[in-house]
Amino acid sequence: MVVAAAEIRLVVRGSRSLKEKRSAIRSIKDRVGSAFNVAVAEVDDLDLHQSAVLGVAAVGNDSKYLTGLIQRVIDHIRSNPHAELVDSRFDVLHFD
């Protein structure tokens, strides 16, 4: 089993409240989750109205495929007009 996990840091510059930020982040999470069939959750900066950290995870049996999948997810989020991607990192773990 192979698990790919990413941490993606975003800035939601137009957000003036937690409600606006959560709306923008929910939209991103829903689109990414359905388009790429990955798990997405807001994992940090929950109480900051212009900052968000998303966790993305995928499970499979091919590390090359999962690496490409996570990179496509990061590229997709980078192109989102509602939030600016400021940092991302990911790792692929192998379980035997």
C-alpha atoms as a PDB file:
ATOM      1  CA  MET A   1       0.000   0.000   0.000  1.00  0.00           C
ATOM      2  CA  VAL A   2       1.201   3.488  -0.880  1.00  0.00           C
ATOM      3  CA  VAL A   3      -0.080   6.689   0.747  1.00  0.00           C
ATOM      4  CA  ALA A   4       0.567  10.168  -0.675  1.00  0.00           C
ATOM      5  CA  ALA A   5      -0.091  13.130   1.585  1.00  0.00           C
ATOM      6  CA  ALA A   6       0.303  16.854   0.969  1.00  0.00           C
ATOM      7  CA  GLU A   7       0.196  19.976   3.102  1.00  0.00           C
ATOM      8  CA  ILE A   8      -0.864  23.062   1.161  1.00  0.00           C
ATOM      9  CA  ARG A   9      -0.698  26.575   2.664  1.00  0.00           C
ATOM     10  CA  LEU A  10      -3.061  29.177   1.240  1.00  0.00           C
ATOM     11  CA  VAL A  11      -3.791  32.872   1.685  1.00  0.00           C
ATOM     12  CA  VAL A  12      -7.355  34.044   1.110  1.00  0.00           C
ATOM     13  CA  ARG A  13      -6.646  37.752   0.627  1.00  0.00           C
ATOM     14  CA  GLY A  14     -10.203  38.924  -0.047  1.00  0.00           C
ATOM     15  CA  SER A  15     -11.553  37.326   3.105  1.00  0.00           C
ATOM     16  CA  ARG A  16     -12.715  39.719   5.818  1.00  0.00           C
ATOM     17  CA  SER A  17     -14.224  37.075   8.098  1.00  0.00           C
ATOM     18  CA  LEU A  18     -13.994  33.401   8.966  1.00  0.00           C
ATOM     19  CA  LYS A  19     -17.310  32.869   7.174  1.00  0.00           C
ATOM     20  CA  GLU A  20     -15.885  34.234   3.895  1.00  0.00           C
ATOM     21  CA  LYS A  21     -12.695  32.206   4.283  1.00  0.00           C
ATOM     22  CA  ARG A  22     -14.578  28.991   5.016  1.00  0.00           C
ATOM     23  CA  SER A  23     -16.791  29.535   1.997  1.00  0.00           C
ATOM     24  CA  ALA A  24     -13.762  29.916  -0.288  1.00  0.00           C
ATOM     25  CA  ILE A  25     -11.960  26.940   1.282  1.00  0.00           C
ATOM     26  CA  ARG A  26     -15.089  24.743   1.132  1.00  0.00           C
ATOM     27  CA  SER A  27     -15.362  25.475  -2.581  1.00  0.00           C
ATOM     28  CA  ILE A  28     -11.730  24.474  -3.137  1.00  0.00           C
ATOM     29  CA  LYS A  29     -12.090  21.309  -1.021  1.00  0.00           C
ATOM     30  CA  ASP A  30     -15.256  20.211  -2.815  1.00  0.00           C
ATOM     31  CA  ARG A  31     -13.832  20.776  -6.297  1.00  0.00           C
ATOM     32  CA  VAL A  32     -10.507  19.082  -5.584  1.00  0.00           C
ATOM     33  CA  GLY A  33     -12.098  16.134  -3.803  1.00  0.00           C
ATOM     34  CA  SER A  34     -14.531  15.407  -6.604  1.00  0.00           C
ATOM     35  CA  ALA A  35     -12.185  16.156  -9.515  1.00  0.00           C
ATOM     36  CA  PHE A  36      -9.271  14.052  -8.250  1.00  0.00           C
ATOM     37  CA  ASN A  37     -10.942  11.526  -5.915  1.00  0.00           C
ATOM     38  CA  VAL A  38      -8.718  12.459  -2.970  1.00  0.00           C
ATOM     39  CA  ALA A  39      -9.455  13.256   0.668  1.00  0.00           C
ATOM     40  CA  VAL A  40      -9.171  16.967   1.508  1.00  0.00           C
ATOM     41  CA  ALA A  41      -9.453  18.657   4.911  1.00  0.00           C
ATOM     42  CA  GLU A  42      -8.594  22.001   6.449  1.00  0.00           C
ATOM     43  CA  VAL A  43      -5.959  21.005   9.014  1.00  0.00           C
ATOM     44  CA  ASP A  44      -4.461  24.226  10.441  1.00  0.00           C
ATOM     45  CA  ASP A  45      -4.992  27.993  10.787  1.00  0.00           C
ATOM     46  CA  LEU A  46      -8.666  27.316  11.444  1.00  0.00           C
ATOM     47  CA  ASP A  47      -9.248  30.579  13.319  1.00  0.00           C
ATOM     48  CA  LEU A  48      -7.318  32.884  10.976  1.00  0.00           C
ATOM     49  CA  HIS A  49      -9.510  34.612   8.409  1.00  0.00           C
ATOM     50  CA  GLN A  50      -6.922  34.990   5.633  1.00  0.00           C
ATOM     51  CA  SER A  51      -4.842  31.841   6.064  1.00  0.00           C
ATOM     52  CA  ALA A  52      -5.621  28.155   5.573  1.00  0.00           C
ATOM     53  CA  VAL A  53      -3.737  24.891   5.512  1.00  0.00           C
ATOM     54  CA  LEU A  54      -5.212  21.992   3.573  1.00  0.00           C
ATOM     55  CA  GLY A  55      -4.273  18.356   3.949  1.00  0.00           C
ATOM     56  CA  VAL A  56      -4.705  16.140   0.888  1.00  0.00           C
ATOM     57  CA  ALA A  57      -4.356  12.358   0.930  1.00  0.00           C
ATOM     58  CA  ALA A  58      -4.610   9.545  -1.604  1.00  0.00           C
ATOM     59  CA  VAL A  59      -4.087   5.790  -1.271  1.00  0.00           C
ATOM     60  CA  GLY A  60      -3.098   3.364  -3.997  1.00  0.00           C
ATOM     61  CA  ASN A  61      -0.487   0.876  -5.094  1.00  0.00           C
ATOM     62  CA  ASP A  62       1.614   2.939  -7.548  1.00  0.00           C
ATOM     63  CA  SER A  63       3.862   5.633  -6.100  1.00  0.00           C
ATOM     64  CA  LYS A  64       4.540   7.252  -9.505  1.00  0.00           C
ATOM     65  CA  TYR A  65       0.815   7.633 -10.152  1.00  0.00           C
ATOM     66  CA  LEU A  66       0.171   9.067  -6.684  1.00  0.00           C
ATOM     67  CA  THR A  67       3.085  11.492  -7.000  1.00  0.00           C
ATOM     68  CA  GLY A  68       1.651  12.766 -10.284  1.00  0.00           C
ATOM     69  CA  LEU A  69      -1.843  12.926  -8.802  1.00  0.00           C
ATOM     70  CA  ILE A  70      -0.739  15.045  -5.845  1.00  0.00           C
ATOM     71  CA  GLN A  71       1.250  17.318  -8.178  1.00  0.00           C
ATOM     72  CA  ARG A  72      -1.868  17.808 -10.353  1.00  0.00           C
ATOM     73  CA  VAL A  73      -3.885  18.642  -7.223  1.00  0.00           C
ATOM     74  CA  ILE A  74      -1.288  21.234  -6.189  1.00  0.00           C
ATOM     75  CA  ASP A  75      -1.274  22.742  -9.695  1.00  0.00           C
ATOM     76  CA  HIS A  76      -5.084  22.866  -9.704  1.00  0.00           C
ATOM     77  CA  ILE A  77      -5.175  24.657  -6.344  1.00  0.00           C
ATOM     78  CA  ARG A  78      -2.435  27.043  -7.525  1.00  0.00           C
ATOM     79  CA  SER A  79      -4.686  28.127 -10.416  1.00  0.00           C
ATOM     80  CA  ASN A  80      -7.679  28.810  -8.139  1.00  0.00           C
ATOM     81  CA  PRO A  81      -8.636  32.520  -8.138  1.00  0.00           C
ATOM     82  CA  HIS A  82     -10.098  32.464  -4.603  1.00  0.00           C
ATOM     83  CA  ALA A  83      -6.861  31.676  -2.766  1.00  0.00           C
ATOM     84  CA  GLU A  84      -3.138  32.092  -3.316  1.00  0.00           C
ATOM     85  CA  LEU A  85      -0.941  29.047  -2.804  1.00  0.00           C
ATOM     86  CA  VAL A  86       2.064  30.150  -0.743  1.00  0.00           C
ATOM     87  CA  ASP A  87       3.682  26.814   0.092  1.00  0.00           C
ATOM     88  CA  SER A  88       3.205  23.113  -0.456  1.00  0.00           C
ATOM     89  CA  ARG A  89       4.962  19.910   0.395  1.00  0.00           C
ATOM     90  CA  PHE A  90       4.119  16.268   0.017  1.00  0.00           C
ATOM     91  CA  ASP A  91       5.452  12.859   0.827  1.00  0.00           C
ATOM     92  CA  VAL A  92       4.796   9.343  -0.390  1.00  0.00           C
ATOM     93  CA  LEU A  93       4.831   6.562   2.187  1.00  0.00           C
ATOM     94  CA  HIS A  94       5.138   2.848   1.456  1.00  0.00           C
ATOM     95  CA  PHE A  95       3.571   0.234   3.730  1.00  0.00           C
ATOM     96  CA  ASP A  96       4.360  -3.436   3.274  1.00  0.00           C
END
